[in-house]
Amino acid sequence: MAVKAKILIVEDEPAISDNIQFVLDGEGLETVRVSTGLAALPLVAAGGIDLVVLDIGLPDINGLELLKQIRRTSATPIILLTARNSEIDRVLGLEIGADDYVAKPFSPRELAARVKAVLRRTRVASHEQPVQDKNAPLAFVVNSSKRLITFFGESLELSKYEYAILTQFIERKGHVFSREQLMNLAWEQPETSLDRTVDVHIKNIRAKLRALKPELDPIVTHRGSGYSLRDDL
């Protein structure tokens, strides 16, 4: 029997949460509900959540801030629930790292279709990852307690922001990050820096990776969009 995907619903309005849970349960998914953002954080951190349905308008923390906090440690897919007239929230949410959004008021059936589509995409992506030679070192290993990243077994000497940027890349290989998105994720006060600062840090990271593996260029530049880490490493 296939294991049910577990969906975390973060929504403070019981009627909306009830409808979402009813439809997702009917689609054969397992659901967990919380009404505050702070209650969601430990559930995501513990693992086992396959997707999060996240309302932006929570009573204890702004949903976009919660999304940012989750993205610092987790690549779990996230679908935002936003107000229909809040285009800036939707754009910012995608910039920070949301996988999709649904505007309120919405059809629970539409949301269920979006949930299943995102789950399919993420599962296909994980199945397409190349098989790692067990005798070869992993391309990247992150030791968050030591704030250390190794590249094919060699430690990288990284600045604070280089470490933060590269960690985001490693957590979401293949995902294209815009400069603004990287600044929001890596800088405590992104508004105090210029977006071109990101280019300088990317250049430095590339140089340090090239010093260890001259034949590889793991970071891909997407003209007009941003940067990503190759997903075949």
Protein backbone atom coordinates (compact mmCIF):
# COMPACT_ATOMS: atom_id res chain seq x y z
CA MET A 1 0.00 0.00 0.00
CA ALA A 2 1.36 3.43 -0.96
CA VAL A 3 2.20 5.78 1.88
CA LYS A 4 -0.13 8.77 2.02
CA ALA A 5 1.43 12.18 1.52
CA LYS A 6 1.13 14.25 4.71
CA ILE A 7 -0.17 17.81 4.26
CA LEU A 8 0.17 20.45 6.97
CA ILE A 9 -2.66 23.02 6.91
CA VAL A 10 -1.74 26.33 8.58
CA GLU A 11 -4.99 28.30 8.71
CA ASP A 12 -6.65 30.14 11.61
CA GLU A 13 -10.21 30.24 10.21
CA PRO A 14 -11.89 26.95 11.23
CA ALA A 15 -14.43 26.96 8.39
CA ILE A 16 -11.71 27.30 5.75
CA SER A 17 -9.49 24.76 7.49
CA ASP A 18 -12.42 22.31 7.74
CA ASN A 19 -13.14 22.56 4.01
CA ILE A 20 -9.49 22.11 3.03
CA GLN A 21 -9.09 19.11 5.31
CA PHE A 22 -12.31 17.49 4.10
CA VAL A 23 -11.31 17.75 0.42
CA LEU A 24 -7.70 16.67 0.91
CA ASP A 25 -8.72 13.71 3.06
CA GLY A 26 -11.16 12.76 0.31
CA GLU A 27 -8.28 12.77 -2.18
CA GLY A 28 -6.47 10.15 -0.12
CA LEU A 29 -4.03 12.54 1.55
CA GLU A 30 -3.19 12.67 5.26
CA THR A 31 -3.74 16.07 6.89
CA VAL A 32 -2.55 17.84 10.01
CA ARG A 33 -4.02 21.18 11.10
CA VAL A 34 -2.66 24.07 13.14
CA SER A 35 -4.10 27.55 13.56
CA THR A 36 -0.87 29.47 14.23
CA GLY A 37 2.43 29.84 12.46
CA LEU A 38 4.54 29.16 15.53
CA ALA A 39 2.81 25.79 15.95
CA ALA A 40 3.76 24.89 12.37
CA LEU A 41 7.52 25.46 12.70
CA PRO A 42 8.34 22.44 14.92
CA LEU A 43 6.17 20.15 12.78
CA VAL A 44 8.07 21.09 9.62
CA ALA A 45 11.41 20.90 11.43
CA ALA A 46 10.62 17.39 12.68
CA GLY A 47 10.25 16.14 9.10
CA GLY A 48 7.59 13.92 7.62
CA ILE A 49 5.57 16.78 6.15
CA ASP A 50 5.29 16.47 2.36
CA LEU A 51 3.63 19.83 1.68
CA VAL A 52 2.41 22.88 3.60
CA VAL A 53 -0.74 24.86 2.81
CA LEU A 54 0.04 28.22 4.41
CA ASP A 55 -2.31 31.15 4.98
CA ILE A 56 -0.53 34.51 4.85
CA GLY A 57 -2.91 36.16 7.36
CA LEU A 58 -2.09 34.32 10.58
CA PRO A 59 -2.78 35.73 14.07
CA ASP A 60 0.72 35.32 15.51
CA ILE A 61 3.15 35.78 12.61
CA ASN A 62 2.93 37.02 9.05
CA GLY A 63 2.76 34.05 6.70
CA LEU A 64 5.52 35.46 4.49
CA GLU A 65 7.84 35.74 7.49
CA LEU A 66 6.97 32.15 8.41
CA LEU A 67 7.72 31.08 4.83
CA LYS A 68 11.10 32.79 5.06
CA GLN A 69 11.90 31.02 8.33
CA ILE A 70 10.92 27.62 6.91
CA ARG A 71 13.06 28.18 3.81
CA ARG A 72 16.14 28.74 5.96
CA THR A 73 16.11 25.07 6.95
CA SER A 74 13.65 23.20 4.73
CA ALA A 75 12.77 22.72 1.06
CA THR A 76 9.31 21.30 1.88
CA PRO A 77 6.87 22.43 -0.86
CA ILE A 78 4.60 25.30 0.22
CA ILE A 79 1.37 26.60 -1.30
CA LEU A 80 0.26 30.04 -0.08
CA LEU A 81 -3.30 31.14 0.59
CA THR A 82 -3.50 34.85 -0.21
CA ALA A 83 -6.08 37.61 -0.47
CA ARG A 84 -7.30 38.00 -4.05
CA ASN A 85 -6.27 41.68 -4.24
CA SER A 86 -2.83 41.14 -2.68
CA GLU A 87 -0.64 40.76 -5.77
CA ILE A 88 2.45 42.01 -3.96
CA ASP A 89 2.12 39.21 -1.36
CA ARG A 90 1.85 36.61 -4.09
CA VAL A 91 4.88 37.92 -5.95
CA LEU A 92 6.95 38.22 -2.78
CA GLY A 93 5.88 34.76 -1.68
CA LEU A 94 7.13 33.23 -4.93
CA GLU A 95 10.34 35.24 -4.63
CA ILE A 96 10.96 33.95 -1.10
CA GLY A 97 10.39 30.36 -2.14
CA ALA A 98 6.70 29.41 -2.30
CA ASP A 99 5.92 26.72 -4.87
CA ASP A 100 2.43 27.98 -5.75
CA TYR A 101 -0.41 30.13 -4.42
CA VAL A 102 -4.20 30.15 -4.39
CA ALA A 103 -6.14 33.40 -3.95
CA LYS A 104 -9.08 33.65 -1.55
CA PRO A 105 -11.94 32.99 -1.95
CA PHE A 106 -11.02 29.72 -3.64
CA SER A 107 -12.52 26.36 -4.47
CA PRO A 108 -11.17 23.64 -2.15
CA ARG A 109 -11.20 21.36 -5.21
CA GLU A 110 -8.90 23.76 -7.04
CA LEU A 111 -6.56 23.80 -4.05
CA ALA A 112 -6.56 19.99 -3.97
CA ALA A 113 -5.60 19.94 -7.66
CA ARG A 114 -2.74 22.39 -6.97
CA VAL A 115 -1.56 20.28 -4.03
CA LYS A 116 -1.45 17.11 -6.13
CA ALA A 117 0.31 18.92 -8.99
CA VAL A 118 3.05 20.24 -6.69
CA LEU A 119 3.46 16.82 -5.08
CA ARG A 120 3.85 15.25 -8.53
CA ARG A 121 6.50 17.80 -9.53
CA THR A 122 8.53 17.36 -6.37
CA ARG A 123 8.34 13.57 -6.49
CA VAL A 124 9.40 13.45 -10.14
CA ALA A 125 12.31 15.77 -9.33
CA SER A 126 13.45 13.56 -6.45
CA HIS A 127 13.17 10.40 -8.58
CA GLU A 128 15.26 11.98 -11.32
CA GLN A 129 18.21 12.65 -9.02
CA PRO A 130 21.24 10.63 -10.15
CA VAL A 131 22.30 7.62 -8.09
CA GLN A 132 25.24 8.56 -5.87
CA ASP A 133 28.30 6.31 -5.91
CA LYS A 134 28.50 5.10 -2.32
CA ASN A 135 32.30 5.17 -2.46
CA ALA A 136 32.46 8.76 -3.72
CA PRO A 137 32.04 11.84 -1.50
CA LEU A 138 28.87 13.86 -1.90
CA ALA A 139 29.30 17.05 -3.92
CA PHE A 140 28.03 19.22 -1.06
CA VAL A 141 27.62 18.49 2.64
CA VAL A 142 26.32 21.15 5.04
CA ASN A 143 27.20 21.05 8.74
CA SER A 144 24.95 23.76 10.17
CA SER A 145 26.23 23.44 13.75
CA LYS A 146 29.78 24.19 12.59
CA ARG A 147 28.61 26.57 9.82
CA LEU A 148 30.69 24.50 7.42
CA ILE A 149 30.15 23.31 3.85
CA THR A 150 32.34 20.71 2.18
CA PHE A 151 32.70 20.33 -1.59
CA PHE A 152 33.64 16.78 -2.59
CA GLY A 153 35.06 16.27 0.89
CA GLU A 154 37.05 19.54 0.99
CA SER A 155 36.07 22.31 3.42
CA LEU A 156 35.17 25.67 1.91
CA GLU A 157 36.30 28.92 3.52
CA LEU A 158 33.14 30.99 3.21
CA SER A 159 32.04 34.37 4.47
CA LYS A 160 28.76 34.69 6.38
CA TYR A 161 26.78 35.63 3.28
CA GLU A 162 28.55 33.17 0.99
CA TYR A 163 27.64 30.39 3.40
CA ALA A 164 24.01 31.57 3.57
CA ILE A 165 23.67 31.79 -0.23
CA LEU A 166 25.31 28.43 -0.93
CA THR A 167 23.17 26.76 1.75
CA GLN A 168 20.02 28.00 0.02
CA PHE A 169 21.28 26.61 -3.30
CA ILE A 170 22.09 23.22 -1.78
CA GLU A 171 18.69 22.92 -0.07
CA ARG A 172 16.85 23.55 -3.36
CA LYS A 173 19.05 22.27 -6.17
CA GLY A 174 17.80 23.35 -9.58
CA HIS A 175 15.57 26.10 -8.15
CA VAL A 176 16.22 29.50 -9.76
CA PHE A 177 16.71 32.18 -7.11
CA SER A 178 16.42 35.84 -8.09
CA ARG A 179 18.84 38.34 -6.55
CA GLU A 180 16.00 39.77 -4.45
CA GLN A 181 15.04 36.31 -3.22
CA LEU A 182 18.62 35.52 -2.19
CA MET A 183 18.89 38.83 -0.35
CA ASN A 184 15.64 38.18 1.52
CA LEU A 185 16.85 34.72 2.52
CA ALA A 186 20.49 35.48 3.34
CA TRP A 187 20.54 39.04 4.65
CA GLU A 188 19.09 40.13 8.01
CA GLN A 189 18.36 43.58 6.55
CA PRO A 190 18.13 43.09 2.77
CA GLU A 191 16.89 46.63 2.24
CA THR A 192 20.29 48.00 3.29
CA SER A 193 22.19 46.24 0.46
CA LEU A 194 22.23 46.53 -3.31
CA ASP A 195 21.05 43.56 -5.35
CA ARG A 196 24.35 43.62 -7.27
CA THR A 197 26.02 42.67 -3.99
CA VAL A 198 24.64 39.19 -4.61
CA ASP A 199 26.61 39.01 -7.88
CA VAL A 200 29.84 39.71 -6.02
CA HIS A 201 29.18 36.91 -3.53
CA ILE A 202 28.23 34.49 -6.33
CA LYS A 203 31.49 35.34 -8.11
CA ASN A 204 33.45 34.64 -4.93
CA ILE A 205 31.66 31.32 -4.34
CA ARG A 206 32.36 30.24 -7.92
CA ALA A 207 36.05 31.04 -7.53
CA LYS A 208 36.29 28.97 -4.35
CA LEU A 209 34.51 26.01 -5.96
CA ARG A 210 36.68 26.29 -9.08
CA ALA A 211 39.82 26.23 -6.95
CA LEU A 212 38.85 22.72 -5.80
CA LYS A 213 37.24 21.43 -9.01
CA PRO A 214 38.39 23.51 -12.01
CA GLU A 215 36.42 21.34 -14.43
CA LEU A 216 33.06 22.02 -12.72
CA ASP A 217 30.85 25.09 -12.62
CA PRO A 218 28.03 24.09 -10.24
CA ILE A 219 26.29 27.49 -10.24
CA VAL A 220 24.15 28.30 -13.28
CA THR A 221 23.38 31.89 -14.33
CA HIS A 222 19.87 32.44 -15.71
CA ARG A 223 19.90 35.72 -17.61
CA GLY A 224 17.22 38.09 -16.36
CA SER A 225 16.11 35.59 -13.68
CA GLY A 226 18.90 34.79 -11.24
CA TYR A 227 21.00 31.80 -10.23
CA SER A 228 20.60 28.12 -9.45
CA LEU A 229 22.72 25.16 -8.39
CA ARG A 230 23.01 22.31 -10.85
CA ASP A 231 20.68 19.52 -9.76
CA ASP A 232 22.92 16.74 -11.09
CA LEU A 233 25.55 17.16 -8.36
